[in-house]
Structure formats: structure tokens, C-alpha cells
Amino acid sequence: MTTEKSLVTREQGFDIMPIEFLKQQTRQLEELYKGLMQEGTDYGKVPGTDKPTLFKSGAELLRLRARLDPKFAVDSSGTDLVMGIFCYQVTCDLYRDGEHIGAGVGSCNSLESKYRYRWVFESALPKGIDKTTLPSKKFQSKGRWYVTYRIENENPQDLANTILKMAKKRAFVDAILTVTGASRIFTQDIEDMVDEVPTTEETKPSPQEQPKSEKPKAQPKAQEEGKEESQAEPSDVQPEMLGFIDKMWLREQLNILQGKKLSAWTNRNFLSYLNNITGQQSEKVADAVKLLNKEQAEALVLRVREAVELA
């Protein structure tokens, strides 16, 4: 007796999420963004970008809403303590009730511009260094122009913990954006991606930028033609310092930005942004600025200057 075997084919179907469910999820995401999240605390709008950037506190709200639990794995194989190089690759896995939902990655190293270099006045330059070989930037304070120079950070070891936390934050935000679908509204934290390496060419201020209140001292003509902006630390100006930042300079820059009607730079939003950096809740901008460490202050000054230039 012959037994016939028939080949049965079964059409494989995809488990596709219904459109209505996707619409509902999208509406809930919009409601969370517009109804609960606060600009300057949970997200920020960087001038010149299309999407708001998601801060860690905003990512935490999205994590709570989606009932996600993060677990981090750190790879420090690129770190060389002898050479003073710190490199961390972090993977953030997200779980819900023990089930793996998705992951994100982030890295940070001491060779990034914001950690590798720092900006100093001429008086703080190491002995024997030729300042003409250094990248430089000008800024104006109280009607005078000053020059700062970029030099290598001689103590990258001091930043090891900061670099590790930054890599962890980048991985966490990346994972949240990927799993929740929030990247349709937010982008990754742009302030971490800004190239802070300045041009080596100096741009002299135009005649309109020159302070009108100062009267030039009488000098020989030849000496007057070769006159440049002050390259020394403004010791005679005696700025009122908020930690590492000149209070008058910061006020002038914020006035410029607010004059351009950039909502992200109102006092309230700027204060929220500072509180996000320091991890504390200050009620005044001055108090929040005082809490910044040296590296945070330098990064903030660069960001404010770049925002003014973009405005």
C-alpha cells in the first residue's frame, strides 16, 4: 500500500500593530510632551535646530510612563590611565517586567573637545608656549574685548567620573528615544554633539562693535595703527564673578539672546537648564551659575557665545 504525503504550505503573517493603537500611542506622547514636560528642564530648544533636544530628566519621565527598567553595561577597554585617556562605551538595556524591550548605546572619551581642551587668558598660559600657535577666541566684557586661548587639559584624570556619567546619559537617552518612539518629537542632546573646536583665525570686531563709551588714549600714529584688543586677563575691569563666570558678561549675553526673542533663553528657561546641569533646584540664575564646576562653566560660556553668534 502506498502512502501519499502531501506538502502543506502555510502563509506566514506578520504580527503588525494596528494603526489605531499607533495613533493612540502618538497622541499620548504628544500629551506628555505638551502637558507635563517643561522646557528647560525636560527638554531644550537649541537655536538653529528643528527639534527640541531631550534631557535626562525628560527621558526619565518617558521611562516612568513606559514602565521601563534600565540596566547598564560599561566597556572601558579603551581607557589608558598612563596616557591619561578615558574612554567609556555604555550599553543601556531596557526591560519591562523582566522582558527585554530594547537598547541604546553611548560613548564618551577624554579626547572630545570639551574635555581635552580648556580656555584660558594669556596670564594663565604655560611658560614658553607661543600663543600665536594656539586657537583663540575673542569676547566682549564691559565694553572691552578680550582674548582667550585653547590649551590641552593637563589633568584629564579629574574628569574620569564626569566622562563616565556622560557616556551613561547618552546611552540612556538613546535607548529611551529608540524604545518609546519619541525621536519623532525629540533629538539626541545636541549640546553634547556640538564641535567646540574654534577656528584658529581671529575676527576683529567691526567699527560698529567697538565700544563708544571708551575714548582712545592719545598715542603715536604708528602705535595706534598696530593696536589690538586686550589679550590680558581683565584684572583692571574687576568683574563680579559668579563662580567661574563674569556676571556682567553673562547678563549682556542673555540680554542679546532675549532681545532676539529666543524663548529658550528666557530667565525661567535658562534657570531650568542650569538646574538640570547642576542637579539642584536654585531659585535664581546667579545661585545656579555659582554651582557650576570649572568644566561646566567653560562649556556653558562656549554654548552661550555660539548661541549669540547664531542669533
C-alpha atoms as a PDB file:
ATOM      1  CA  MET A   1       0.000   0.000   0.000  1.00  0.00           C
ATOM      2  CA  THR A   2       1.356   3.357  -0.948  1.00  0.00           C
ATOM      3  CA  THR A   3       1.076   6.235   1.470  1.00  0.00           C
ATOM      4  CA  GLU A   4       0.890   9.636  -0.151  1.00  0.00           C
ATOM      5  CA  LYS A   5       2.341  12.567   1.697  1.00  0.00           C
ATOM      6  CA  SER A   6       1.108  15.988   0.796  1.00  0.00           C
ATOM      7  CA  LEU A   7       3.163  19.134   1.309  1.00  0.00           C
ATOM      8  CA  VAL A   8       1.168  21.704   3.205  1.00  0.00           C
ATOM      9  CA  THR A   9       2.255  25.320   2.891  1.00  0.00           C
ATOM     10  CA  ARG A  10       1.132  27.895   5.403  1.00  0.00           C
ATOM     11  CA  GLU A  11       1.232  31.577   4.712  1.00  0.00           C
ATOM     12  CA  GLN A  12       3.281  33.358   7.324  1.00  0.00           C
ATOM     13  CA  GLY A  13       1.649  36.509   8.630  1.00  0.00           C
ATOM     14  CA  PHE A  14       3.330  39.442  10.348  1.00  0.00           C
ATOM     15  CA  ASP A  15       2.205  40.500  13.802  1.00  0.00           C
ATOM     16  CA  ILE A  16       1.548  44.106  12.854  1.00  0.00           C
ATOM     17  CA  MET A  17       0.443  46.684  15.414  1.00  0.00           C
ATOM     18  CA  PRO A  18      -2.952  48.182  14.490  1.00  0.00           C
ATOM     19  CA  ILE A  19      -2.930  51.718  13.111  1.00  0.00           C
ATOM     20  CA  GLU A  20      -5.418  52.911  15.715  1.00  0.00           C
ATOM     21  CA  PHE A  21      -3.142  51.718  18.510  1.00  0.00           C
ATOM     22  CA  LEU A  22      -0.224  53.596  16.955  1.00  0.00           C
ATOM     23  CA  LYS A  23      -2.359  56.724  16.719  1.00  0.00           C
ATOM     24  CA  GLN A  24      -3.293  56.393  20.375  1.00  0.00           C
ATOM     25  CA  GLN A  25       0.347  55.988  21.409  1.00  0.00           C
ATOM     26  CA  THR A  26       1.306  59.024  19.348  1.00  0.00           C
ATOM     27  CA  ARG A  27      -1.441  61.135  20.945  1.00  0.00           C
ATOM     28  CA  GLN A  28      -0.341  60.095  24.427  1.00  0.00           C
ATOM     29  CA  LEU A  29       3.244  61.001  23.597  1.00  0.00           C
ATOM     30  CA  GLU A  30       2.134  64.437  22.396  1.00  0.00           C
ATOM     31  CA  GLU A  31       0.075  64.940  25.558  1.00  0.00           C
ATOM     32  CA  LEU A  32       3.064  64.052  27.728  1.00  0.00           C
ATOM     33  CA  TYR A  33       5.268  66.445  25.766  1.00  0.00           C
ATOM     34  CA  LYS A  34       2.864  69.390  25.818  1.00  0.00           C
ATOM     35  CA  GLY A  35       1.077  68.787  29.107  1.00  0.00           C
ATOM     36  CA  LEU A  36       3.728  67.569  31.529  1.00  0.00           C
ATOM     37  CA  MET A  37       7.238  68.206  30.234  1.00  0.00           C
ATOM     38  CA  GLN A  38       8.836  71.556  30.976  1.00  0.00           C
ATOM     39  CA  GLU A  39      11.079  73.365  28.556  1.00  0.00           C
ATOM     40  CA  GLY A  40      14.495  73.947  30.038  1.00  0.00           C
ATOM     41  CA  THR A  41      14.105  71.072  32.495  1.00  0.00           C
ATOM     42  CA  ASP A  42      12.983  68.080  30.449  1.00  0.00           C
ATOM     43  CA  TYR A  43      13.959  69.334  27.016  1.00  0.00           C
ATOM     44  CA  GLY A  44      15.546  72.358  25.410  1.00  0.00           C
ATOM     45  CA  LYS A  45      15.405  74.158  22.095  1.00  0.00           C
ATOM     46  CA  VAL A  46      18.856  74.918  20.740  1.00  0.00           C
ATOM     47  CA  PRO A  47      18.826  77.882  18.317  1.00  0.00           C
ATOM     48  CA  GLY A  48      19.281  76.726  14.722  1.00  0.00           C
ATOM     49  CA  THR A  49      17.826  73.215  15.234  1.00  0.00           C
ATOM     50  CA  ASP A  50      14.456  71.849  14.133  1.00  0.00           C
ATOM     51  CA  LYS A  51      13.655  69.504  17.027  1.00  0.00           C
ATOM     52  CA  PRO A  52      13.904  70.056  20.779  1.00  0.00           C
ATOM     53  CA  THR A  53      16.660  68.058  22.449  1.00  0.00           C
ATOM     54  CA  LEU A  54      15.714  65.557  25.132  1.00  0.00           C
ATOM     55  CA  PHE A  55      17.380  65.990  28.526  1.00  0.00           C
ATOM     56  CA  LYS A  56      17.932  63.182  31.007  1.00  0.00           C
ATOM     57  CA  SER A  57      15.067  64.347  33.231  1.00  0.00           C
ATOM     58  CA  GLY A  58      12.700  64.194  30.257  1.00  0.00           C
ATOM     59  CA  ALA A  59      13.956  60.720  29.391  1.00  0.00           C
ATOM     60  CA  GLU A  60      13.184  59.692  32.972  1.00  0.00           C
ATOM     61  CA  LEU A  61       9.557  60.788  32.517  1.00  0.00           C
ATOM     62  CA  LEU A  62       9.289  58.713  29.349  1.00  0.00           C
ATOM     63  CA  ARG A  63      10.826  55.758  31.201  1.00  0.00           C
ATOM     64  CA  LEU A  64       8.251  56.006  34.010  1.00  0.00           C
ATOM     65  CA  ARG A  65       5.380  56.296  31.547  1.00  0.00           C
ATOM     66  CA  ALA A  66       6.516  53.181  29.648  1.00  0.00           C
ATOM     67  CA  ARG A  67       7.335  51.281  32.893  1.00  0.00           C
ATOM     68  CA  LEU A  68      10.890  50.548  31.784  1.00  0.00           C
ATOM     69  CA  ASP A  69      13.818  49.432  33.927  1.00  0.00           C
ATOM     70  CA  PRO A  70      17.335  50.278  32.660  1.00  0.00           C
ATOM     71  CA  LYS A  71      20.431  48.126  33.077  1.00  0.00           C
ATOM     72  CA  PHE A  72      23.855  49.425  32.068  1.00  0.00           C
ATOM     73  CA  ALA A  73      26.952  47.629  30.799  1.00  0.00           C
ATOM     74  CA  VAL A  74      30.208  49.618  30.687  1.00  0.00           C
ATOM     75  CA  ASP A  75      33.157  48.865  28.429  1.00  0.00           C
ATOM     76  CA  SER A  76      36.281  50.753  29.480  1.00  0.00           C
ATOM     77  CA  SER A  77      38.755  48.805  27.341  1.00  0.00           C
ATOM     78  CA  GLY A  78      39.785  51.987  25.544  1.00  0.00           C
ATOM     79  CA  THR A  79      40.964  53.620  28.784  1.00  0.00           C
ATOM     80  CA  ASP A  80      44.697  54.145  29.272  1.00  0.00           C
ATOM     81  CA  LEU A  81      45.480  55.512  32.727  1.00  0.00           C
ATOM     82  CA  VAL A  82      49.158  56.085  31.918  1.00  0.00           C
ATOM     83  CA  MET A  83      48.357  58.188  28.841  1.00  0.00           C
ATOM     84  CA  GLY A  84      45.504  59.921  30.640  1.00  0.00           C
ATOM     85  CA  ILE A  85      42.904  58.700  28.135  1.00  0.00           C
ATOM     86  CA  PHE A  86      39.482  57.754  29.458  1.00  0.00           C
ATOM     87  CA  CYS A  87      37.089  56.050  27.075  1.00  0.00           C
ATOM     88  CA  TYR A  88      33.765  54.517  28.041  1.00  0.00           C
ATOM     89  CA  GLN A  89      31.306  52.657  25.813  1.00  0.00           C
ATOM     90  CA  VAL A  90      27.983  52.138  27.575  1.00  0.00           C
ATOM     91  CA  THR A  91      25.034  49.965  26.568  1.00  0.00           C
ATOM     92  CA  CYS A  92      21.671  50.650  28.181  1.00  0.00           C
ATOM     93  CA  ASP A  93      19.199  47.750  28.026  1.00  0.00           C
ATOM     94  CA  LEU A  94      15.557  48.473  28.842  1.00  0.00           C
ATOM     95  CA  TYR A  95      13.284  45.880  30.424  1.00  0.00           C
ATOM     96  CA  ARG A  96       9.591  45.702  31.287  1.00  0.00           C
ATOM     97  CA  ASP A  97       8.540  43.033  33.783  1.00  0.00           C
ATOM     98  CA  GLY A  98      11.746  41.150  33.056  1.00  0.00           C
ATOM     99  CA  GLU A  99      11.269  41.180  29.274  1.00  0.00           C
ATOM    100  CA  HIS A 100      13.951  42.861  27.168  1.00  0.00           C
ATOM    101  CA  ILE A 101      12.339  45.678  25.186  1.00  0.00           C
ATOM    102  CA  GLY A 102      15.256  47.437  23.515  1.00  0.00           C
ATOM    103  CA  ALA A 103      18.632  49.066  23.970  1.00  0.00           C
ATOM    104  CA  GLY A 104      20.689  52.172  23.314  1.00  0.00           C
ATOM    105  CA  VAL A 105      24.381  52.928  23.172  1.00  0.00           C
ATOM    106  CA  GLY A 106      26.505  55.902  24.121  1.00  0.00           C
ATOM    107  CA  SER A 107      30.172  56.724  24.406  1.00  0.00           C
ATOM    108  CA  CYS A 108      32.343  59.476  25.779  1.00  0.00           C
ATOM    109  CA  ASN A 109      36.089  59.959  25.946  1.00  0.00           C
ATOM    110  CA  SER A 110      38.624  62.451  27.206  1.00  0.00           C
ATOM    111  CA  LEU A 111      39.738  63.326  23.667  1.00  0.00           C
ATOM    112  CA  GLU A 112      36.458  65.129  22.939  1.00  0.00           C
ATOM    113  CA  SER A 113      36.997  68.861  22.596  1.00  0.00           C
ATOM    114  CA  LYS A 114      35.064  69.837  25.729  1.00  0.00           C
ATOM    115  CA  TYR A 115      37.227  67.526  27.865  1.00  0.00           C
ATOM    116  CA  ARG A 116      40.544  67.619  26.029  1.00  0.00           C
ATOM    117  CA  TYR A 117      40.882  71.401  25.988  1.00  0.00           C
ATOM    118  CA  ARG A 118      40.196  74.381  28.201  1.00  0.00           C
ATOM    119  CA  TRP A 119      40.166  78.125  27.547  1.00  0.00           C
ATOM    120  CA  VAL A 120      42.432  80.469  29.485  1.00  0.00           C
ATOM    121  CA  PHE A 121      43.637  84.067  29.450  1.00  0.00           C
ATOM    122  CA  GLU A 122      47.181  84.859  28.396  1.00  0.00           C
ATOM    123  CA  SER A 123      48.264  85.198  32.028  1.00  0.00           C
ATOM    124  CA  ALA A 124      47.406  81.527  32.610  1.00  0.00           C
ATOM    125  CA  LEU A 125      49.341  80.163  29.619  1.00  0.00           C
ATOM    126  CA  PRO A 126      52.179  77.739  30.426  1.00  0.00           C
ATOM    127  CA  LYS A 127      55.638  79.327  30.311  1.00  0.00           C
ATOM    128  CA  GLY A 128      57.429  79.157  26.996  1.00  0.00           C
ATOM    129  CA  ILE A 129      54.335  78.494  24.882  1.00  0.00           C
ATOM    130  CA  ASP A 130      53.878  80.504  21.684  1.00  0.00           C
ATOM    131  CA  LYS A 131      50.372  81.963  21.833  1.00  0.00           C
ATOM    132  CA  THR A 132      50.342  82.583  18.075  1.00  0.00           C
ATOM    133  CA  THR A 133      50.195  78.815  17.519  1.00  0.00           C
ATOM    134  CA  LEU A 134      47.091  78.407  19.688  1.00  0.00           C
ATOM    135  CA  PRO A 135      43.438  78.614  18.639  1.00  0.00           C
ATOM    136  CA  SER A 136      41.893  81.731  20.141  1.00  0.00           C
ATOM    137  CA  LYS A 137      38.545  83.385  20.674  1.00  0.00           C
ATOM    138  CA  LYS A 138      37.501  86.929  21.425  1.00  0.00           C
ATOM    139  CA  PHE A 139      34.700  88.034  23.695  1.00  0.00           C
ATOM    140  CA  GLN A 140      33.471  91.390  24.915  1.00  0.00           C
ATOM    141  CA  SER A 141      33.011  92.345  28.551  1.00  0.00           C
ATOM    142  CA  LYS A 142      32.051  95.772  29.863  1.00  0.00           C
ATOM    143  CA  GLY A 143      32.914  97.485  26.607  1.00  0.00           C
ATOM    144  CA  ARG A 144      36.311  95.839  26.174  1.00  0.00           C
ATOM    145  CA  TRP A 145      37.469  92.959  24.015  1.00  0.00           C
ATOM    146  CA  TYR A 146      39.490  90.096  25.453  1.00  0.00           C
ATOM    147  CA  VAL A 147      41.191  87.034  24.043  1.00  0.00           C
ATOM    148  CA  THR A 148      41.225  83.514  25.438  1.00  0.00           C
ATOM    149  CA  TYR A 149      43.442  80.698  24.209  1.00  0.00           C
ATOM    150  CA  ARG A 150      42.770  76.999  23.926  1.00  0.00           C
ATOM    151  CA  ILE A 151      45.264  74.681  25.607  1.00  0.00           C
ATOM    152  CA  GLU A 152      45.379  70.987  26.450  1.00  0.00           C
ATOM    153  CA  ASN A 153      43.778  69.944  29.720  1.00  0.00           C
ATOM    154  CA  GLU A 154      46.767  68.839  31.777  1.00  0.00           C
ATOM    155  CA  ASN A 155      44.653  66.860  34.273  1.00  0.00           C
ATOM    156  CA  PRO A 156      42.170  64.694  32.323  1.00  0.00           C
ATOM    157  CA  GLN A 157      42.141  62.286  35.273  1.00  0.00           C
ATOM    158  CA  ASP A 158      39.985  64.790  37.151  1.00  0.00           C
ATOM    159  CA  LEU A 159      37.226  64.243  34.583  1.00  0.00           C
ATOM    160  CA  ALA A 160      37.034  60.437  34.660  1.00  0.00           C
ATOM    161  CA  ASN A 161      33.754  60.305  36.591  1.00  0.00           C
ATOM    162  CA  THR A 162      32.213  63.104  34.516  1.00  0.00           C
ATOM    163  CA  ILE A 163      33.086  61.288  31.291  1.00  0.00           C
ATOM    164  CA  LEU A 164      31.617  58.009  32.549  1.00  0.00           C
ATOM    165  CA  LYS A 165      28.362  59.725  33.568  1.00  0.00           C
ATOM    166  CA  MET A 166      28.124  61.443  30.197  1.00  0.00           C
ATOM    167  CA  ALA A 167      28.500  58.125  28.358  1.00  0.00           C
ATOM    168  CA  LYS A 168      25.831  56.603  30.592  1.00  0.00           C
ATOM    169  CA  LYS A 169      23.463  59.518  29.981  1.00  0.00           C
ATOM    170  CA  ARG A 170      23.938  59.337  26.211  1.00  0.00           C
ATOM    171  CA  ALA A 171      23.190  55.597  26.216  1.00  0.00           C
ATOM    172  CA  PHE A 172      20.088  56.084  28.373  1.00  0.00           C
ATOM    173  CA  VAL A 173      18.640  58.884  26.230  1.00  0.00           C
ATOM    174  CA  ASP A 174      19.374  56.896  23.050  1.00  0.00           C
ATOM    175  CA  ALA A 175      17.588  53.835  24.455  1.00  0.00           C
ATOM    176  CA  ILE A 176      14.537  55.832  25.545  1.00  0.00           C
ATOM    177  CA  LEU A 177      14.224  57.564  22.170  1.00  0.00           C
ATOM    178  CA  THR A 178      14.510  54.234  20.353  1.00  0.00           C
ATOM    179  CA  VAL A 179      12.073  52.233  22.501  1.00  0.00           C
ATOM    180  CA  THR A 180       9.368  54.861  23.043  1.00  0.00           C
ATOM    181  CA  GLY A 181       9.376  56.262  19.521  1.00  0.00           C
ATOM    182  CA  ALA A 182       9.935  59.729  20.950  1.00  0.00           C
ATOM    183  CA  SER A 183      12.515  60.543  18.294  1.00  0.00           C
ATOM    184  CA  ARG A 184       9.652  61.824  16.143  1.00  0.00           C
ATOM    185  CA  ILE A 185       9.496  64.751  18.594  1.00  0.00           C
ATOM    186  CA  PHE A 186      12.962  64.906  20.158  1.00  0.00           C
ATOM    187  CA  THR A 187      16.519  64.525  19.036  1.00  0.00           C
ATOM    188  CA  GLN A 188      19.576  63.371  20.956  1.00  0.00           C
ATOM    189  CA  ASP A 189      21.110  66.015  23.232  1.00  0.00           C
ATOM    190  CA  ILE A 190      22.711  68.338  20.682  1.00  0.00           C
ATOM    191  CA  GLU A 191      24.753  70.193  23.280  1.00  0.00           C
ATOM    192  CA  ASP A 192      26.812  67.003  23.670  1.00  0.00           C
ATOM    193  CA  MET A 193      27.489  66.847  19.948  1.00  0.00           C
ATOM    194  CA  VAL A 194      28.470  70.455  19.230  1.00  0.00           C
ATOM    195  CA  ASP A 195      32.009  70.725  17.888  1.00  0.00           C
ATOM    196  CA  GLU A 196      33.626  73.161  20.264  1.00  0.00           C
ATOM    197  CA  VAL A 197      36.931  73.427  18.386  1.00  0.00           C
ATOM    198  CA  PRO A 198      37.159  77.073  17.330  1.00  0.00           C
ATOM    199  CA  THR A 199      38.784  78.429  14.229  1.00  0.00           C
ATOM    200  CA  THR A 200      42.406  79.498  14.599  1.00  0.00           C
ATOM    201  CA  GLU A 201      41.697  82.730  12.769  1.00  0.00           C
ATOM    202  CA  GLU A 202      40.672  85.736  14.808  1.00  0.00           C
ATOM    203  CA  THR A 203      37.955  88.032  13.567  1.00  0.00           C
ATOM    204  CA  LYS A 204      38.440  91.613  14.656  1.00  0.00           C
ATOM    205  CA  PRO A 205      35.310  93.446  15.757  1.00  0.00           C
ATOM    206  CA  SER A 206      33.757  95.770  13.235  1.00  0.00           C
ATOM    207  CA  PRO A 207      33.675  99.528  13.895  1.00  0.00           C
ATOM    208  CA  GLN A 208      30.032  99.167  14.952  1.00  0.00           C
ATOM    209  CA  GLU A 209      31.069  96.696  17.634  1.00  0.00           C
ATOM    210  CA  GLN A 210      33.701  98.932  19.131  1.00  0.00           C
ATOM    211  CA  PRO A 211      32.558 100.433  22.452  1.00  0.00           C
ATOM    212  CA  LYS A 212      31.545 104.056  22.036  1.00  0.00           C
ATOM    213  CA  SER A 213      31.918 104.914  25.691  1.00  0.00           C
ATOM    214  CA  GLU A 214      35.680 104.483  25.718  1.00  0.00           C
ATOM    215  CA  LYS A 215      37.825 107.288  24.384  1.00  0.00           C
ATOM    216  CA  PRO A 216      41.129 106.119  22.931  1.00  0.00           C
ATOM    217  CA  LYS A 217      44.152 107.479  24.633  1.00  0.00           C
ATOM    218  CA  ALA A 218      46.445 109.740  22.662  1.00  0.00           C
ATOM    219  CA  GLN A 219      49.145 107.580  21.096  1.00  0.00           C
ATOM    220  CA  PRO A 220      51.688 107.958  18.329  1.00  0.00           C
ATOM    221  CA  LYS A 221      50.115 107.214  14.966  1.00  0.00           C
ATOM    222  CA  ALA A 222      52.293 104.183  14.249  1.00  0.00           C
ATOM    223  CA  GLN A 223      51.466 102.717  17.623  1.00  0.00           C
ATOM    224  CA  GLU A 224      47.752 103.388  17.173  1.00  0.00           C
ATOM    225  CA  GLU A 225      47.634 101.574  13.828  1.00  0.00           C
ATOM    226  CA  GLY A 226      49.068  98.424  15.343  1.00  0.00           C
ATOM    227  CA  LYS A 227      46.799  98.492  18.365  1.00  0.00           C
ATOM    228  CA  GLU A 228      44.932  95.247  19.132  1.00  0.00           C
ATOM    229  CA  GLU A 229      42.305  94.179  21.597  1.00  0.00           C
ATOM    230  CA  SER A 230      43.395  93.404  25.131  1.00  0.00           C
ATOM    231  CA  GLN A 231      44.932  89.943  25.363  1.00  0.00           C
ATOM    232  CA  ALA A 232      45.439  90.001  29.100  1.00  0.00           C
ATOM    233  CA  GLU A 233      43.093  88.867  31.795  1.00  0.00           C
ATOM    234  CA  PRO A 234      40.698  91.723  32.640  1.00  0.00           C
ATOM    235  CA  SER A 235      42.170  92.426  36.064  1.00  0.00           C
ATOM    236  CA  ASP A 236      41.566  96.162  35.875  1.00  0.00           C
ATOM    237  CA  VAL A 237      37.911  95.624  34.980  1.00  0.00           C
ATOM    238  CA  GLN A 238      37.365  93.765  38.250  1.00  0.00           C
ATOM    239  CA  PRO A 239      34.373  91.712  37.068  1.00  0.00           C
ATOM    240  CA  GLU A 240      31.856  90.452  39.574  1.00  0.00           C
ATOM    241  CA  MET A 241      32.272  86.690  39.342  1.00  0.00           C
ATOM    242  CA  LEU A 242      29.574  84.047  39.754  1.00  0.00           C
ATOM    243  CA  GLY A 243      31.826  81.113  40.407  1.00  0.00           C
ATOM    244  CA  PHE A 244      33.841  80.897  37.183  1.00  0.00           C
ATOM    245  CA  ILE A 245      31.642  83.226  35.091  1.00  0.00           C
ATOM    246  CA  ASP A 246      31.616  87.022  34.854  1.00  0.00           C
ATOM    247  CA  LYS A 247      28.152  88.121  35.984  1.00  0.00           C
ATOM    248  CA  MET A 248      28.114  91.244  33.791  1.00  0.00           C
ATOM    249  CA  TRP A 249      29.198  89.314  30.703  1.00  0.00           C
ATOM    250  CA  LEU A 250      26.537  86.656  31.231  1.00  0.00           C
ATOM    251  CA  ARG A 251      23.858  89.300  31.723  1.00  0.00           C
ATOM    252  CA  GLU A 252      24.896  91.059  28.499  1.00  0.00           C
ATOM    253  CA  GLN A 253      24.776  87.818  26.506  1.00  0.00           C
ATOM    254  CA  LEU A 254      21.353  86.851  27.868  1.00  0.00           C
ATOM    255  CA  ASN A 255      20.029  90.323  27.061  1.00  0.00           C
ATOM    256  CA  ILE A 256      21.218  89.884  23.481  1.00  0.00           C
ATOM    257  CA  LEU A 257      19.525  86.493  23.175  1.00  0.00           C
ATOM    258  CA  GLN A 258      16.300  87.665  24.796  1.00  0.00           C
ATOM    259  CA  GLY A 259      16.338  90.684  22.502  1.00  0.00           C
ATOM    260  CA  LYS A 260      16.227  88.227  19.626  1.00  0.00           C
ATOM    261  CA  LYS A 261      13.080  86.765  21.244  1.00  0.00           C
ATOM    262  CA  LEU A 262      14.542  83.278  21.580  1.00  0.00           C
ATOM    263  CA  SER A 263      12.120  81.689  24.037  1.00  0.00           C
ATOM    264  CA  ALA A 264      14.650  79.067  25.127  1.00  0.00           C
ATOM    265  CA  TRP A 265      16.778  81.803  26.658  1.00  0.00           C
ATOM    266  CA  THR A 266      14.252  83.445  28.950  1.00  0.00           C
ATOM    267  CA  ASN A 267      15.352  83.713  32.567  1.00  0.00           C
ATOM    268  CA  ARG A 268      12.933  80.971  33.629  1.00  0.00           C
ATOM    269  CA  ASN A 269      14.034  78.506  30.955  1.00  0.00           C
ATOM    270  CA  PHE A 270      17.691  79.359  31.412  1.00  0.00           C
ATOM    271  CA  LEU A 271      17.362  78.757  35.135  1.00  0.00           C
ATOM    272  CA  SER A 272      15.701  75.388  34.482  1.00  0.00           C
ATOM    273  CA  TYR A 273      18.541  74.488  32.128  1.00  0.00           C
ATOM    274  CA  LEU A 274      21.145  75.386  34.767  1.00  0.00           C
ATOM    275  CA  ASN A 275      19.309  73.376  37.413  1.00  0.00           C
ATOM    276  CA  ASN A 276      19.347  70.404  35.032  1.00  0.00           C
ATOM    277  CA  ILE A 277      23.149  70.693  34.753  1.00  0.00           C
ATOM    278  CA  THR A 278      23.811  71.058  38.468  1.00  0.00           C
ATOM    279  CA  GLY A 279      21.165  68.604  39.604  1.00  0.00           C
ATOM    280  CA  GLN A 280      19.916  71.110  42.179  1.00  0.00           C
ATOM    281  CA  GLN A 281      16.923  73.428  42.302  1.00  0.00           C
ATOM    282  CA  SER A 282      18.063  77.035  42.635  1.00  0.00           C
ATOM    283  CA  GLU A 283      15.564  79.870  42.558  1.00  0.00           C
ATOM    284  CA  LYS A 284      17.931  82.416  40.985  1.00  0.00           C
ATOM    285  CA  VAL A 285      20.161  82.261  37.911  1.00  0.00           C
ATOM    286  CA  ALA A 286      23.068  83.661  39.936  1.00  0.00           C
ATOM    287  CA  ASP A 287      22.798  80.901  42.524  1.00  0.00           C
ATOM    288  CA  ALA A 288      22.626  78.194  39.837  1.00  0.00           C
ATOM    289  CA  VAL A 289      25.671  79.573  38.000  1.00  0.00           C
ATOM    290  CA  LYS A 290      27.702  79.509  41.220  1.00  0.00           C
ATOM    291  CA  LEU A 291      27.110  75.757  41.493  1.00  0.00           C
ATOM    292  CA  LEU A 292      28.811  75.013  38.156  1.00  0.00           C
ATOM    293  CA  ASN A 293      32.250  73.471  38.322  1.00  0.00           C
ATOM    294  CA  LYS A 294      35.050  74.756  36.103  1.00  0.00           C
ATOM    295  CA  GLU A 295      34.384  72.390  33.202  1.00  0.00           C
ATOM    296  CA  GLN A 296      30.634  73.029  33.263  1.00  0.00           C
ATOM    297  CA  ALA A 297      31.214  76.796  33.360  1.00  0.00           C
ATOM    298  CA  GLU A 298      33.582  76.657  30.382  1.00  0.00           C
ATOM    299  CA  ALA A 299      31.106  74.550  28.406  1.00  0.00           C
ATOM    300  CA  LEU A 300      28.274  76.944  29.275  1.00  0.00           C
ATOM    301  CA  VAL A 301      30.283  80.011  28.213  1.00  0.00           C
ATOM    302  CA  LEU A 302      31.054  78.373  24.856  1.00  0.00           C
ATOM    303  CA  ARG A 303      27.412  77.463  24.316  1.00  0.00           C
ATOM    304  CA  VAL A 304      26.181  80.985  25.152  1.00  0.00           C
ATOM    305  CA  ARG A 305      28.753  82.544  22.799  1.00  0.00           C
ATOM    306  CA  GLU A 306      27.767  80.192  19.995  1.00  0.00           C
ATOM    307  CA  ALA A 307      24.079  80.958  20.570  1.00  0.00           C
ATOM    308  CA  VAL A 308      24.786  84.693  20.333  1.00  0.00           C
ATOM    309  CA  GLU A 309      26.663  84.145  17.081  1.00  0.00           C
ATOM    310  CA  LEU A 310      23.784  82.077  15.659  1.00  0.00           C
ATOM    311  CA  ALA A 311      21.256  84.691  16.741  1.00  0.00           C
END
